[in-house]
Amino acid sequence: MTLYKNIVATSKPSTENEVRSYFQDDERIKGKRLKSFEVKFDNFGTQMDDYTNYHNVNADHYDLTAVFE
């Protein structure tokens, strides 16, 4: 099963535990193993977010794709 999520974070998620924590509320992953994940910087989302740009919170948008089995 492939799940997708757009996240706002101060640093790019790089470990399986960080990625899994973003999907912890999803009942569909209960008992499933994280097979792989991909994190891409979302430049458009980061530039268009007026809150993070105006308040300079050093947060960026990322597209997170995770494959569970």
PDB file of N, CA and C in Angstrom:
ATOM      1  N   MET A   1       0.848  -1.162   0.000  1.00  0.00           N
ATOM      2  CA  MET A   1       0.000   0.000   0.000  1.00  0.00           C
ATOM      3  C   MET A   1       0.901   1.234   0.000  1.00  0.00           C
ATOM      4  N   THR A   2       0.599   2.161  -0.887  1.00  0.00           N
ATOM      5  CA  THR A   2       1.357   3.397  -0.998  1.00  0.00           C
ATOM      6  C   THR A   2       0.531   4.543  -0.428  1.00  0.00           C
ATOM      7  N   LEU A   3       1.124   5.284   0.485  1.00  0.00           N
ATOM      8  CA  LEU A   3       0.450   6.429   1.100  1.00  0.00           C
ATOM      9  C   LEU A   3       1.240   7.693   0.787  1.00  0.00           C
ATOM     10  N   TYR A   4       0.516   8.786   0.635  1.00  0.00           N
ATOM     11  CA  TYR A   4       1.113  10.072   0.296  1.00  0.00           C
ATOM     12  C   TYR A   4       0.667  11.107   1.311  1.00  0.00           C
ATOM     13  N   LYS A   5       1.576  12.009   1.650  1.00  0.00           N
ATOM     14  CA  LYS A   5       1.228  13.081   2.575  1.00  0.00           C
ATOM     15  C   LYS A   5       2.121  14.288   2.287  1.00  0.00           C
ATOM     16  N   ASN A   6       1.530  15.471   2.370  1.00  0.00           N
ATOM     17  CA  ASN A   6       2.294  16.711   2.273  1.00  0.00           C
ATOM     18  C   ASN A   6       2.497  17.196   3.697  1.00  0.00           C
ATOM     19  N   ILE A   7       3.760  17.392   4.086  1.00  0.00           N
ATOM     20  CA  ILE A   7       4.056  17.771   5.465  1.00  0.00           C
ATOM     21  C   ILE A   7       4.811  19.083   5.503  1.00  0.00           C
ATOM     22  N   VAL A   8       4.768  19.727   6.651  1.00  0.00           N
ATOM     23  CA  VAL A   8       5.549  20.934   6.918  1.00  0.00           C
ATOM     24  C   VAL A   8       6.471  20.599   8.078  1.00  0.00           C
ATOM     25  N   ALA A   9       7.771  20.725   7.846  1.00  0.00           N
ATOM     26  CA  ALA A   9       8.740  20.354   8.874  1.00  0.00           C
ATOM     27  C   ALA A   9       9.941  21.293   8.813  1.00  0.00           C
ATOM     28  N   THR A  10      10.641  21.387   9.936  1.00  0.00           N
ATOM     29  CA  THR A  10      11.830  22.235   9.982  1.00  0.00           C
ATOM     30  C   THR A  10      13.046  21.535   9.388  1.00  0.00           C
ATOM     31  N   SER A  11      13.003  20.206   9.304  1.00  0.00           N
ATOM     32  CA  SER A  11      14.089  19.463   8.656  1.00  0.00           C
ATOM     33  C   SER A  11      13.490  18.297   7.871  1.00  0.00           C
ATOM     34  N   LYS A  12      14.205  17.876   6.856  1.00  0.00           N
ATOM     35  CA  LYS A  12      13.734  16.805   5.988  1.00  0.00           C
ATOM     36  C   LYS A  12      13.765  15.474   6.732  1.00  0.00           C
ATOM     37  N   PRO A  13      12.643  14.746   6.793  1.00  0.00           N
ATOM     38  CA  PRO A  13      12.637  13.438   7.444  1.00  0.00           C
ATOM     39  C   PRO A  13      13.580  12.488   6.708  1.00  0.00           C
ATOM     40  N   SER A  14      14.422  11.777   7.458  1.00  0.00           N
ATOM     41  CA  SER A  14      15.415  10.926   6.805  1.00  0.00           C
ATOM     42  C   SER A  14      15.447   9.504   7.348  1.00  0.00           C
ATOM     43  N   THR A  15      14.742   9.226   8.437  1.00  0.00           N
ATOM     44  CA  THR A  15      14.762   7.881   9.002  1.00  0.00           C
ATOM     45  C   THR A  15      13.373   7.251   8.926  1.00  0.00           C
ATOM     46  N   GLU A  16      13.343   5.920   9.037  1.00  0.00           N
ATOM     47  CA  GLU A  16      12.067   5.209   8.998  1.00  0.00           C
ATOM     48  C   GLU A  16      11.165   5.608  10.154  1.00  0.00           C
ATOM     49  N   ASN A  17      11.729   5.830  11.322  1.00  0.00           N
ATOM     50  CA  ASN A  17      10.918   6.216  12.482  1.00  0.00           C
ATOM     51  C   ASN A  17      10.258   7.576  12.280  1.00  0.00           C
ATOM     52  N   GLU A  18      10.976   8.518  11.689  1.00  0.00           N
ATOM     53  CA  GLU A  18      10.392   9.834  11.421  1.00  0.00           C
ATOM     54  C   GLU A  18       9.240   9.718  10.421  1.00  0.00           C
ATOM     55  N   VAL A  19       9.454   8.947   9.365  1.00  0.00           N
ATOM     56  CA  VAL A  19       8.422   8.782   8.346  1.00  0.00           C
ATOM     57  C   VAL A  19       7.208   8.078   8.926  1.00  0.00           C
ATOM     58  N   ARG A  20       7.438   7.021   9.676  1.00  0.00           N
ATOM     59  CA  ARG A  20       6.338   6.272  10.286  1.00  0.00           C
ATOM     60  C   ARG A  20       5.514   7.151  11.234  1.00  0.00           C
ATOM     61  N   SER A  21       6.159   8.084  11.922  1.00  0.00           N
ATOM     62  CA  SER A  21       5.449   8.946  12.870  1.00  0.00           C
ATOM     63  C   SER A  21       4.424   9.843  12.177  1.00  0.00           C
ATOM     64  N   TYR A  22       4.658  10.197  10.918  1.00  0.00           N
ATOM     65  CA  TYR A  22       3.691  11.021  10.182  1.00  0.00           C
ATOM     66  C   TYR A  22       2.436  10.247   9.816  1.00  0.00           C
ATOM     67  N   PHE A  23       2.515   8.909   9.791  1.00  0.00           N
ATOM     68  CA  PHE A  23       1.367   8.079   9.430  1.00  0.00           C
ATOM     69  C   PHE A  23       0.803   7.318  10.628  1.00  0.00           C
ATOM     70  N   GLN A  24       1.226   7.632  11.840  1.00  0.00           N
ATOM     71  CA  GLN A  24       0.838   6.851  13.014  1.00  0.00           C
ATOM     72  C   GLN A  24      -0.664   6.855  13.283  1.00  0.00           C
ATOM     73  N   ASP A  25      -1.388   7.868  12.859  1.00  0.00           N
ATOM     74  CA  ASP A  25      -2.831   7.933  13.104  1.00  0.00           C
ATOM     75  C   ASP A  25      -3.647   7.160  12.065  1.00  0.00           C
ATOM     76  N   ASP A  26      -3.003   6.652  11.044  1.00  0.00           N
ATOM     77  CA  ASP A  26      -3.691   5.930   9.979  1.00  0.00           C
ATOM     78  C   ASP A  26      -3.845   4.454  10.363  1.00  0.00           C
ATOM     79  N   GLU A  27      -5.083   4.012  10.492  1.00  0.00           N
ATOM     80  CA  GLU A  27      -5.369   2.635  10.904  1.00  0.00           C
ATOM     81  C   GLU A  27      -4.900   1.605   9.878  1.00  0.00           C
ATOM     82  N   ARG A  28      -4.736   2.008   8.637  1.00  0.00           N
ATOM     83  CA  ARG A  28      -4.381   1.059   7.584  1.00  0.00           C
ATOM     84  C   ARG A  28      -2.967   0.517   7.709  1.00  0.00           C
ATOM     85  N   ILE A  29      -2.091   1.181   8.466  1.00  0.00           N
ATOM     86  CA  ILE A  29      -0.711   0.707   8.564  1.00  0.00           C
ATOM     87  C   ILE A  29      -0.459  -0.157   9.794  1.00  0.00           C
ATOM     88  N   LYS A  30      -1.481  -0.376  10.600  1.00  0.00           N
ATOM     89  CA  LYS A  30      -1.318  -1.205  11.801  1.00  0.00           C
ATOM     90  C   LYS A  30      -0.821  -2.592  11.410  1.00  0.00           C
ATOM     91  N   GLY A  31       0.300  -3.013  11.969  1.00  0.00           N
ATOM     92  CA  GLY A  31       0.864  -4.325  11.708  1.00  0.00           C
ATOM     93  C   GLY A  31       1.602  -4.446  10.390  1.00  0.00           C
ATOM     94  N   LYS A  32       1.759  -3.342   9.671  1.00  0.00           N
ATOM     95  CA  LYS A  32       2.464  -3.385   8.391  1.00  0.00           C
ATOM     96  C   LYS A  32       3.868  -2.814   8.554  1.00  0.00           C
ATOM     97  N   ARG A  33       4.756  -3.281   7.698  1.00  0.00           N
ATOM     98  CA  ARG A  33       6.156  -2.868   7.725  1.00  0.00           C
ATOM     99  C   ARG A  33       6.381  -1.785   6.675  1.00  0.00           C
ATOM    100  N   LEU A  34       7.182  -0.798   7.020  1.00  0.00           N
ATOM    101  CA  LEU A  34       7.549   0.246   6.070  1.00  0.00           C
ATOM    102  C   LEU A  34       8.596  -0.327   5.131  1.00  0.00           C
ATOM    103  N   LYS A  35       8.226  -0.473   3.873  1.00  0.00           N
ATOM    104  CA  LYS A  35       9.118  -1.090   2.883  1.00  0.00           C
ATOM    105  C   LYS A  35      10.094  -0.067   2.311  1.00  0.00           C
ATOM    106  N   SER A  36       9.590   1.101   1.928  1.00  0.00           N
ATOM    107  CA  SER A  36      10.439   2.157   1.392  1.00  0.00           C
ATOM    108  C   SER A  36       9.729   3.496   1.526  1.00  0.00           C
ATOM    109  N   PHE A  37      10.486   4.561   1.373  1.00  0.00           N
ATOM    110  CA  PHE A  37       9.900   5.900   1.419  1.00  0.00           C
ATOM    111  C   PHE A  37      10.723   6.847   0.571  1.00  0.00           C
ATOM    112  N   GLU A  38      10.075   7.934   0.168  1.00  0.00           N
ATOM    113  CA  GLU A  38      10.729   8.967  -0.621  1.00  0.00           C
ATOM    114  C   GLU A  38      10.243  10.317  -0.113  1.00  0.00           C
ATOM    115  N   VAL A  39      11.172  11.231   0.095  1.00  0.00           N
ATOM    116  CA  VAL A  39      10.849  12.569   0.572  1.00  0.00           C
ATOM    117  C   VAL A  39      11.386  13.568  -0.446  1.00  0.00           C
ATOM    118  N   LYS A  40      10.485  14.399  -0.976  1.00  0.00           N
ATOM    119  CA  LYS A  40      10.877  15.414  -1.955  1.00  0.00           C
ATOM    120  C   LYS A  40      10.527  16.797  -1.421  1.00  0.00           C
ATOM    121  N   PHE A  41      11.408  17.734  -1.637  1.00  0.00           N
ATOM    122  CA  PHE A  41      11.172  19.131  -1.266  1.00  0.00           C
ATOM    123  C   PHE A  41      10.098  19.708  -2.184  1.00  0.00           C
ATOM    124  N   ASP A  42       9.078  20.342  -1.599  1.00  0.00           N
ATOM    125  CA  ASP A  42       7.989  20.953  -2.359  1.00  0.00           C
ATOM    126  C   ASP A  42       8.229  22.462  -2.405  1.00  0.00           C
ATOM    127  N   ASN A  43       8.937  22.899  -3.429  1.00  0.00           N
ATOM    128  CA  ASN A  43       9.305  24.302  -3.549  1.00  0.00           C
ATOM    129  C   ASN A  43       8.074  25.186  -3.714  1.00  0.00           C
ATOM    130  N   PHE A  44       7.106  24.762  -4.530  1.00  0.00           N
ATOM    131  CA  PHE A  44       5.901  25.551  -4.762  1.00  0.00           C
ATOM    132  C   PHE A  44       5.109  25.728  -3.468  1.00  0.00           C
ATOM    133  N   GLY A  45       4.930  24.640  -2.728  1.00  0.00           N
ATOM    134  CA  GLY A  45       4.203  24.715  -1.463  1.00  0.00           C
ATOM    135  C   GLY A  45       4.894  25.598  -0.446  1.00  0.00           C
ATOM    136  N   THR A  46       6.215  25.538  -0.419  1.00  0.00           N
ATOM    137  CA  THR A  46       6.983  26.354   0.518  1.00  0.00           C
ATOM    138  C   THR A  46       6.865  27.832   0.179  1.00  0.00           C
ATOM    139  N   GLN A  47       6.974  28.168  -1.096  1.00  0.00           N
ATOM    140  CA  GLN A  47       6.916  29.570  -1.514  1.00  0.00           C
ATOM    141  C   GLN A  47       5.515  30.167  -1.379  1.00  0.00           C
ATOM    142  N   MET A  48       4.481  29.341  -1.524  1.00  0.00           N
ATOM    143  CA  MET A  48       3.108  29.845  -1.485  1.00  0.00           C
ATOM    144  C   MET A  48       2.523  29.883  -0.073  1.00  0.00           C
ATOM    145  N   ASP A  49       3.196  29.341   0.904  1.00  0.00           N
ATOM    146  CA  ASP A  49       2.696  29.330   2.279  1.00  0.00           C
ATOM    147  C   ASP A  49       3.020  30.673   2.932  1.00  0.00           C
ATOM    148  N   ASP A  50       2.030  31.530   2.994  1.00  0.00           N
ATOM    149  CA  ASP A  50       2.235  32.876   3.534  1.00  0.00           C
ATOM    150  C   ASP A  50       2.621  32.858   5.010  1.00  0.00           C
ATOM    151  N   TYR A  51       2.093  31.919   5.774  1.00  0.00           N
ATOM    152  CA  TYR A  51       2.390  31.883   7.206  1.00  0.00           C
ATOM    153  C   TYR A  51       3.869  31.616   7.468  1.00  0.00           C
ATOM    154  N   THR A  52       4.424  30.571   6.857  1.00  0.00           N
ATOM    155  CA  THR A  52       5.832  30.242   7.123  1.00  0.00           C
ATOM    156  C   THR A  52       6.769  31.291   6.543  1.00  0.00           C
ATOM    157  N   ASN A  53       6.407  31.882   5.422  1.00  0.00           N
ATOM    158  CA  ASN A  53       7.253  32.930   4.846  1.00  0.00           C
ATOM    159  C   ASN A  53       7.204  34.211   5.673  1.00  0.00           C
ATOM    160  N   TYR A  54       6.025  34.625   6.108  1.00  0.00           N
ATOM    161  CA  TYR A  54       5.871  35.872   6.843  1.00  0.00           C
ATOM    162  C   TYR A  54       6.503  35.791   8.234  1.00  0.00           C
ATOM    163  N   HIS A  55       6.295  34.675   8.927  1.00  0.00           N
ATOM    164  CA  HIS A  55       6.794  34.540  10.292  1.00  0.00           C
ATOM    165  C   HIS A  55       8.216  33.977  10.363  1.00  0.00           C
ATOM    166  N   ASN A  56       8.774  33.596   9.207  1.00  0.00           N
ATOM    167  CA  ASN A  56      10.145  33.105   9.129  1.00  0.00           C
ATOM    168  C   ASN A  56      10.414  32.017  10.169  1.00  0.00           C
ATOM    169  N   VAL A  57       9.620  30.958  10.110  1.00  0.00           N
ATOM    170  CA  VAL A  57       9.740  29.868  11.087  1.00  0.00           C
ATOM    171  C   VAL A  57      10.717  28.783  10.632  1.00  0.00           C
ATOM    172  N   ASN A  58      11.395  28.997   9.498  1.00  0.00           N
ATOM    173  CA  ASN A  58      12.369  28.047   8.952  1.00  0.00           C
ATOM    174  C   ASN A  58      11.763  26.671   8.717  1.00  0.00           C
ATOM    175  N   ALA A  59      10.520  26.630   8.262  1.00  0.00           N
ATOM    176  CA  ALA A  59       9.853  25.371   7.947  1.00  0.00           C
ATOM    177  C   ALA A  59       9.657  25.278   6.439  1.00  0.00           C
ATOM    178  N   ASP A  60       9.758  24.069   5.921  1.00  0.00           N
ATOM    179  CA  ASP A  60       9.585  23.827   4.502  1.00  0.00           C
ATOM    180  C   ASP A  60       8.517  22.762   4.294  1.00  0.00           C
ATOM    181  N   HIS A  61       7.970  22.728   3.096  1.00  0.00           N
ATOM    182  CA  HIS A  61       6.985  21.721   2.719  1.00  0.00           C
ATOM    183  C   HIS A  61       7.704  20.565   2.031  1.00  0.00           C
ATOM    184  N   TYR A  62       7.268  19.360   2.344  1.00  0.00           N
ATOM    185  CA  TYR A  62       7.830  18.158   1.731  1.00  0.00           C
ATOM    186  C   TYR A  62       6.698  17.248   1.284  1.00  0.00           C
ATOM    187  N   ASP A  63       6.905  16.565   0.156  1.00  0.00           N
ATOM    188  CA  ASP A  63       5.995  15.527  -0.320  1.00  0.00           C
ATOM    189  C   ASP A  63       6.560  14.199   0.147  1.00  0.00           C
ATOM    190  N   LEU A  64       5.789  13.488   0.939  1.00  0.00           N
ATOM    191  CA  LEU A  64       6.227  12.239   1.535  1.00  0.00           C
ATOM    192  C   LEU A  64       5.423  11.080   0.941  1.00  0.00           C
ATOM    193  N   THR A  65       6.122  10.124   0.354  1.00  0.00           N
ATOM    194  CA  THR A  65       5.506   8.928  -0.193  1.00  0.00           C
ATOM    195  C   THR A  65       6.088   7.735   0.532  1.00  0.00           C
ATOM    196  N   ALA A  66       5.226   6.902   1.110  1.00  0.00           N
ATOM    197  CA  ALA A  66       5.680   5.741   1.872  1.00  0.00           C
ATOM    198  C   ALA A  66       4.970   4.486   1.363  1.00  0.00           C
ATOM    199  N   VAL A  67       5.733   3.399   1.263  1.00  0.00           N
ATOM    200  CA  VAL A  67       5.185   2.122   0.814  1.00  0.00           C
ATOM    201  C   VAL A  67       5.212   1.163   2.006  1.00  0.00           C
ATOM    202  N   PHE A  68       4.039   0.666   2.382  1.00  0.00           N
ATOM    203  CA  PHE A  68       3.910  -0.281   3.494  1.00  0.00           C
ATOM    204  C   PHE A  68       3.494  -1.644   2.935  1.00  0.00           C
ATOM    205  N   GLU A  69       3.955  -2.721   3.598  1.00  0.00           N
ATOM    206  CA  GLU A  69       3.519  -4.067   3.206  1.00  0.00           C
ATOM    207  C   GLU A  69       3.172  -4.880   4.425  1.00  0.00           C
TER     208      GLU A  69
END
